[in-house]
Amino acid sequence: MFDFLGSIGGAIMTPLYYFTSGIVLAWHWLFTQIGLDPDAGWSWALAIVGLTLTIRAMLIPLFVKQINSSRNMQLIQPQLQELRKKYGHDRERFAQEQMKLFQETGTNPFSSCMPLLLQMPIFFALFRVIDQASRKGAEGARGFLSGDQAESLRDAEWLGGRIADTFLSSDNLETKIIAMVMVVAMCATQFFTQKQLMAKNMPEASLNGPFAQQQKILLYVLPVVFAVSGVAFPLGVLVYWTTSNLWTMGQQFWVIRNNPAPGTPAFKAKQERDRAKGKTVAEDPVAKIEAETEAQRIKRQQPKKQTRDQRRKTGGAQPKPNKPAKEDPDE
């Protein structure tokens, strides 16, 4: 049974080994062409940074969808609260109305996790490539990595520590210090990226909703998870994840600054910058988005027209307005 599961796991991971190692070796070759020693730790560390940049660049379209969906989730929180008050006693009806609202606004509540989930296979593949090279040397080569390259990766030193070692596996004090510094950097960048999103790009009305509670949980849980597991990551994997967090932080800062969600502190700050530049509201694409969102909200809140039979059944027929009395010609 375990052999069968192992063969399935190998069949799934083998293409990822080739994909990940191929990108790392391409960047490694590039850095050796500009004069870096192919066996030096910096050439391998920078190659892993290159892998991170390549993967994150490929995920930019998905990140844009994630931002748009997150903005929509924040903007529809008042409507979700109204639905919860109205249909809280009927879970099935609430789920139907909630799904209808998601479809109308183009919101996917699961899209915020997609970049992280899609990076995890690459993360595990890189972990296995480095880990096997560290444990077995040439015999542990995975993907496009040759035996000599696996041994070079295993023995490469970066900032005084071996790039394939972990905090737990190494007896070298410098390796342990570097590993702890990288774990702290990884957790700190994870925390501040999530904090940045909540502090600047969430409307005040959304801060007490379920979506905000979910974000608060992730704010504190994810850094703890990475801190506990980070001591078992090779230095090269810590370089990958810290670089990815820095990319996310910079990318998110740019999006929040230039395309903030309406009703947020970042949106008010952008309006003030636009006024200082003499930019009119009509020229502001973010203000147009806010106006369109408000118009859609008002449209959804307007009562639907009912037929005469429906009004008779519900007793909701509205009295017709009194017509003005005709003037008496004799008066």
Protein backbone atom coordinates (compact mmCIF):
# COMPACT_ATOMS: atom_id res chain seq x y z
CA MET A 1 0.00 0.00 0.00
CA PHE A 2 2.75 2.45 0.97
CA ASP A 3 4.75 1.51 -2.13
CA PHE A 4 1.70 2.23 -4.27
CA LEU A 5 1.17 5.64 -2.64
CA GLY A 6 4.88 6.35 -2.97
CA SER A 7 4.81 5.59 -6.69
CA ILE A 8 1.84 7.93 -7.16
CA GLY A 9 3.62 10.68 -5.20
CA GLY A 10 6.76 10.16 -7.28
CA ALA A 11 4.80 10.39 -10.52
CA ILE A 12 3.29 13.69 -9.38
CA MET A 13 6.51 15.22 -8.05
CA THR A 14 8.92 14.11 -10.79
CA PRO A 15 7.72 16.73 -13.34
CA LEU A 16 7.99 19.36 -10.60
CA TYR A 17 11.58 18.29 -9.89
CA TYR A 18 12.46 18.87 -13.55
CA PHE A 19 10.56 22.17 -13.68
CA THR A 20 12.10 23.54 -10.48
CA SER A 21 15.65 22.31 -11.07
CA GLY A 22 15.55 23.50 -14.68
CA ILE A 23 14.77 27.09 -13.65
CA VAL A 24 17.38 27.01 -10.87
CA LEU A 25 20.06 25.69 -13.24
CA ALA A 26 19.19 28.29 -15.88
CA TRP A 27 19.70 31.12 -13.37
CA HIS A 28 22.80 29.39 -11.98
CA TRP A 29 24.29 29.23 -15.47
CA LEU A 30 23.48 32.92 -16.01
CA PHE A 31 25.25 34.00 -12.83
CA THR A 32 28.29 31.88 -13.65
CA GLN A 33 28.47 33.62 -17.03
CA ILE A 34 28.87 36.99 -15.33
CA GLY A 35 31.81 35.78 -13.24
CA LEU A 36 30.45 34.01 -10.15
CA ASP A 37 32.08 30.77 -9.05
CA PRO A 38 29.70 27.89 -10.01
CA ASP A 39 30.45 26.17 -6.69
CA ALA A 40 30.02 29.30 -4.57
CA GLY A 41 27.06 29.72 -2.25
CA TRP A 42 26.11 33.07 -3.76
CA SER A 43 25.66 31.58 -7.23
CA TRP A 44 23.25 28.98 -5.83
CA ALA A 45 21.48 31.43 -3.49
CA LEU A 46 20.94 33.92 -6.32
CA ALA A 47 19.73 31.09 -8.56
CA ILE A 48 17.07 30.29 -5.96
CA VAL A 49 16.14 34.00 -5.86
CA GLY A 50 15.83 33.80 -9.65
CA LEU A 51 13.50 30.82 -9.28
CA THR A 52 11.33 32.86 -6.89
CA LEU A 53 11.15 35.82 -9.26
CA THR A 54 10.26 33.54 -12.16
CA ILE A 55 7.45 31.79 -10.28
CA ARG A 56 6.03 35.04 -8.89
CA ALA A 57 6.11 36.68 -12.32
CA MET A 58 4.15 33.73 -13.72
CA LEU A 59 1.57 34.19 -10.95
CA ILE A 60 0.95 37.91 -11.61
CA PRO A 61 -2.34 37.34 -13.54
CA LEU A 62 -3.58 35.18 -10.67
CA PHE A 63 -2.49 37.82 -8.16
CA VAL A 64 -4.55 40.44 -10.03
CA LYS A 65 -7.62 38.19 -9.79
CA GLN A 66 -6.89 37.66 -6.10
CA ILE A 67 -6.74 41.42 -5.46
CA ASN A 68 -9.98 42.06 -7.35
CA SER A 69 -11.77 39.27 -5.51
CA SER A 70 -10.43 40.46 -2.15
CA ARG A 71 -11.63 43.99 -2.92
CA ASN A 72 -15.08 42.65 -3.77
CA MET A 73 -15.16 40.57 -0.59
CA GLN A 74 -14.44 43.69 1.44
CA LEU A 75 -16.99 45.83 -0.40
CA ILE A 76 -19.87 43.36 -0.08
CA GLN A 77 -19.46 42.84 3.66
CA PRO A 78 -22.42 45.17 4.45
CA GLN A 79 -24.63 43.18 2.04
CA LEU A 80 -23.46 39.91 3.58
CA GLN A 81 -24.34 41.20 7.03
CA GLU A 82 -27.81 42.13 5.79
CA LEU A 83 -28.27 38.65 4.33
CA ARG A 84 -27.08 37.11 7.59
CA LYS A 85 -29.64 39.11 9.56
CA LYS A 86 -32.40 38.27 7.11
CA TYR A 87 -31.69 34.57 6.50
CA GLY A 88 -29.57 33.66 9.52
CA HIS A 89 -32.25 31.23 10.67
CA ASP A 90 -32.31 29.47 7.28
CA ARG A 91 -28.82 28.25 6.36
CA GLU A 92 -29.82 26.86 3.00
CA ARG A 93 -31.49 30.09 1.89
CA PHE A 94 -28.59 32.14 3.23
CA ALA A 95 -26.10 30.00 1.26
CA GLN A 96 -28.18 30.46 -1.91
CA GLU A 97 -28.41 34.23 -1.50
CA GLN A 98 -24.73 34.46 -0.62
CA MET A 99 -23.72 32.51 -3.73
CA LYS A 100 -25.99 34.73 -5.82
CA LEU A 101 -24.29 37.82 -4.40
CA PHE A 102 -20.86 36.33 -5.17
CA GLN A 103 -21.91 35.69 -8.77
CA GLU A 104 -23.35 39.19 -9.22
CA THR A 105 -20.18 40.85 -7.94
CA GLY A 106 -17.69 38.44 -9.50
CA THR A 107 -16.32 37.43 -6.10
CA ASN A 108 -14.46 34.20 -5.35
CA PRO A 109 -13.89 33.79 -1.60
CA PHE A 110 -11.23 31.12 -2.19
CA SER A 111 -9.08 33.13 -4.62
CA SER A 112 -7.07 34.74 -1.80
CA CYS A 113 -5.48 31.34 -1.09
CA MET A 114 -4.68 30.41 -4.69
CA PRO A 115 -1.21 32.03 -5.03
CA LEU A 116 -0.12 30.35 -1.80
CA LEU A 117 -1.56 26.97 -2.81
CA LEU A 118 0.01 27.08 -6.28
CA GLN A 119 3.41 27.90 -4.80
CA MET A 120 3.36 24.99 -2.38
CA PRO A 121 4.19 22.28 -5.00
CA ILE A 122 7.20 24.35 -6.12
CA PHE A 123 8.14 24.85 -2.48
CA PHE A 124 8.07 21.10 -1.77
CA ALA A 125 9.90 20.29 -5.01
CA LEU A 126 12.70 22.74 -4.16
CA PHE A 127 12.83 21.34 -0.62
CA ARG A 128 13.25 17.79 -1.95
CA VAL A 129 15.86 18.79 -4.54
CA ILE A 130 18.03 20.50 -1.90
CA ASP A 131 17.32 17.96 0.83
CA GLN A 132 18.22 14.95 -1.32
CA ALA A 133 21.38 16.64 -2.58
CA SER A 134 22.34 17.37 1.04
CA ARG A 135 21.70 13.81 2.24
CA LYS A 136 22.95 11.72 -0.70
CA GLY A 137 25.18 13.99 -2.76
CA ALA A 138 25.46 12.78 -6.36
CA GLU A 139 23.06 9.90 -5.72
CA GLY A 140 20.41 12.37 -4.55
CA ALA A 141 20.32 14.38 -7.78
CA ARG A 142 16.74 15.19 -8.85
CA GLY A 143 15.34 16.56 -12.10
CA PHE A 144 17.93 18.13 -14.39
CA LEU A 145 20.49 18.28 -11.57
CA SER A 146 23.58 16.21 -12.37
CA GLY A 147 25.61 14.36 -9.77
CA ASP A 148 28.37 16.98 -9.80
CA GLN A 149 25.86 19.80 -9.50
CA ALA A 150 24.13 18.03 -6.58
CA GLU A 151 27.45 17.79 -4.74
CA SER A 152 28.20 21.44 -5.55
CA LEU A 153 24.82 22.46 -4.11
CA ARG A 154 25.41 20.32 -1.02
CA ASP A 155 28.82 21.82 -0.27
CA ALA A 156 28.10 25.44 -1.27
CA GLU A 157 28.61 27.89 1.62
CA TRP A 158 26.57 31.07 1.92
CA LEU A 159 27.31 33.72 4.58
CA GLY A 160 29.34 31.14 6.49
CA GLY A 161 26.75 28.34 6.46
CA ARG A 162 26.04 25.56 3.97
CA ILE A 163 23.04 26.39 1.82
CA ALA A 164 21.68 22.82 1.99
CA ASP A 165 21.81 22.58 5.81
CA THR A 166 18.98 23.22 8.26
CA PHE A 167 18.96 24.57 11.80
CA LEU A 168 18.26 21.09 13.15
CA SER A 169 20.68 19.10 10.98
CA SER A 170 23.75 21.32 11.29
CA ASP A 171 26.29 21.44 14.12
CA ASN A 172 27.79 24.63 12.68
CA LEU A 173 26.99 27.66 14.87
CA GLU A 174 27.08 30.05 11.90
CA THR A 175 24.57 27.90 10.03
CA LYS A 176 22.24 27.92 13.04
CA ILE A 177 22.51 31.71 13.40
CA ILE A 178 21.83 32.29 9.69
CA ALA A 179 18.92 29.85 9.78
CA MET A 180 17.31 31.60 12.77
CA VAL A 181 17.78 35.02 11.16
CA MET A 182 16.14 33.74 7.96
CA VAL A 183 13.26 32.12 9.90
CA VAL A 184 12.61 35.41 11.72
CA ALA A 185 12.78 37.33 8.42
CA MET A 186 10.40 34.85 6.77
CA CYS A 187 7.86 35.11 9.61
CA ALA A 188 8.18 38.90 9.91
CA THR A 189 7.59 39.50 6.20
CA GLN A 190 4.61 37.12 6.31
CA PHE A 191 3.13 39.04 9.27
CA PHE A 192 3.68 42.56 7.94
CA THR A 193 2.32 41.66 4.50
CA GLN A 194 -0.96 40.50 6.04
CA LYS A 195 -0.99 43.43 8.49
CA GLN A 196 -0.50 45.87 5.61
CA LEU A 197 -3.59 44.49 3.87
CA MET A 198 -5.80 44.73 6.97
CA ALA A 199 -4.62 48.14 8.17
CA LYS A 200 -4.78 50.02 4.88
CA ASN A 201 -7.03 48.20 2.43
CA MET A 202 -10.04 47.01 4.43
CA PRO A 203 -13.13 49.25 4.88
CA GLU A 204 -14.14 50.05 8.44
CA ALA A 205 -17.47 48.25 7.94
CA SER A 206 -15.60 45.04 7.06
CA LEU A 207 -13.30 44.92 10.09
CA ASN A 208 -15.81 43.05 12.25
CA GLY A 209 -17.13 40.65 9.60
CA PRO A 210 -16.24 36.98 9.12
CA PHE A 211 -13.80 37.81 6.33
CA ALA A 212 -11.89 40.13 8.69
CA GLN A 213 -11.89 37.48 11.40
CA GLN A 214 -10.43 35.00 8.93
CA GLN A 215 -7.70 37.50 8.01
CA LYS A 216 -6.91 38.09 11.69
CA ILE A 217 -6.53 34.36 12.28
CA LEU A 218 -4.16 34.05 9.32
CA LEU A 219 -2.27 37.12 10.55
CA TYR A 220 -1.13 35.31 13.69
CA VAL A 221 -1.36 31.63 12.75
CA LEU A 222 0.74 31.59 9.56
CA PRO A 223 3.89 33.16 11.11
CA VAL A 224 3.72 30.65 13.97
CA VAL A 225 3.35 27.75 11.52
CA PHE A 226 6.34 28.93 9.48
CA ALA A 227 8.40 29.57 12.62
CA VAL A 228 7.84 26.04 13.90
CA SER A 229 8.45 24.36 10.54
CA GLY A 230 11.19 26.76 9.42
CA VAL A 231 13.84 25.15 11.63
CA ALA A 232 13.60 22.07 9.40
CA PHE A 233 13.98 24.01 6.11
CA PRO A 234 17.35 24.18 4.33
CA LEU A 235 18.81 27.67 4.03
CA GLY A 236 18.04 27.63 0.30
CA VAL A 237 14.32 27.03 0.96
CA LEU A 238 14.30 29.86 3.52
CA VAL A 239 15.83 32.12 0.86
CA TYR A 240 13.02 31.15 -1.53
CA TRP A 241 10.16 31.80 0.89
CA THR A 242 11.59 35.07 2.30
CA THR A 243 12.13 36.39 -1.22
CA SER A 244 8.58 35.41 -2.13
CA ASN A 245 7.24 37.29 0.91
CA LEU A 246 9.24 40.39 -0.02
CA TRP A 247 7.82 40.20 -3.56
CA THR A 248 4.29 39.93 -2.15
CA MET A 249 4.88 42.87 0.17
CA GLY A 250 6.15 45.12 -2.64
CA GLN A 251 3.48 44.01 -5.10
CA GLN A 252 0.73 44.50 -2.53
CA PHE A 253 2.07 47.94 -1.55
CA TRP A 254 1.94 49.05 -5.18
CA VAL A 255 -1.62 47.76 -5.65
CA ILE A 256 -2.91 49.28 -2.39
CA ARG A 257 -1.30 52.63 -3.20
CA ASN A 258 -2.51 52.86 -6.79
CA ASN A 259 -5.77 50.88 -6.75
CA PRO A 260 -7.11 50.81 -3.18
CA ALA A 261 -10.51 49.49 -2.17
CA PRO A 262 -13.13 52.24 -1.77
CA GLY A 263 -13.83 53.33 1.79
CA THR A 264 -10.39 52.35 3.13
CA PRO A 265 -7.58 54.49 4.61
CA ALA A 266 -5.52 53.81 1.49
CA PHE A 267 -8.38 55.10 -0.67
CA LYS A 268 -8.59 58.34 1.33
CA ALA A 269 -4.83 58.77 1.09
CA LYS A 270 -5.00 58.33 -2.70
CA GLN A 271 -7.78 60.90 -2.96
CA GLU A 272 -5.65 63.40 -1.02
CA ARG A 273 -2.68 62.75 -3.32
CA ASP A 274 -4.92 63.20 -6.37
CA ARG A 275 -6.29 66.50 -5.02
CA ALA A 276 -2.75 67.70 -4.38
CA LYS A 277 -1.93 66.91 -8.02
CA GLY A 278 -5.09 68.67 -9.22
CA LYS A 279 -6.63 65.45 -10.53
CA THR A 280 -10.41 65.51 -10.87
CA VAL A 281 -12.71 62.74 -9.69
CA ALA A 282 -13.75 62.04 -13.26
CA GLU A 283 -10.12 61.26 -14.11
CA ASP A 284 -9.74 58.94 -11.13
CA PRO A 285 -10.40 55.27 -12.10
CA VAL A 286 -10.71 54.26 -8.45
CA ALA A 287 -13.45 56.85 -7.88
CA LYS A 288 -15.27 55.45 -10.92
CA ILE A 289 -15.09 51.96 -9.42
CA GLU A 290 -16.54 53.29 -6.15
CA ALA A 291 -19.38 55.05 -7.99
CA GLU A 292 -20.19 51.93 -10.02
CA THR A 293 -20.13 49.77 -6.86
CA GLU A 294 -22.47 52.15 -5.05
CA ALA A 295 -24.83 52.20 -8.04
CA GLN A 296 -24.94 48.39 -8.10
CA ARG A 297 -25.67 48.31 -4.37
CA ILE A 298 -28.57 50.74 -4.72
CA LYS A 299 -29.92 48.79 -7.67
CA ARG A 300 -29.87 45.52 -5.65
CA GLN A 301 -31.69 47.20 -2.76
CA GLN A 302 -34.58 48.48 -4.90
CA PRO A 303 -37.75 46.37 -4.51
CA LYS A 304 -38.66 44.13 -7.40
CA LYS A 305 -41.88 44.75 -9.29
CA GLN A 306 -44.76 42.40 -8.43
CA THR A 307 -47.71 41.23 -10.46
CA ARG A 308 -51.26 41.98 -9.33
CA ASP A 309 -51.71 38.35 -8.16
CA GLN A 310 -48.48 38.48 -6.15
CA ARG A 311 -49.54 41.72 -4.47
CA ARG A 312 -52.99 40.24 -3.68
CA LYS A 313 -51.40 37.14 -2.09
CA THR A 314 -48.86 39.04 -0.02
CA GLY A 315 -51.10 41.95 0.74
CA GLY A 316 -48.34 44.17 -0.52
CA ALA A 317 -50.36 46.18 -3.00
CA GLN A 318 -49.48 49.80 -2.68
CA PRO A 319 -52.34 52.30 -2.62
CA LYS A 320 -52.54 54.29 -5.76
CA PRO A 321 -51.90 57.98 -5.29
CA ASN A 322 -55.05 60.14 -5.16
CA LYS A 323 -55.73 61.87 -8.40
CA PRO A 324 -56.27 65.61 -8.17
CA ALA A 325 -59.94 66.53 -8.15
CA LYS A 326 -61.27 68.02 -11.32
CA GLU A 327 -62.21 71.64 -11.10
CA ASP A 328 -65.97 72.44 -11.23
CA PRO A 329 -66.57 74.57 -14.32
CA ASP A 330 -69.50 76.29 -12.56
CA GLU A 331 -67.22 77.63 -9.80
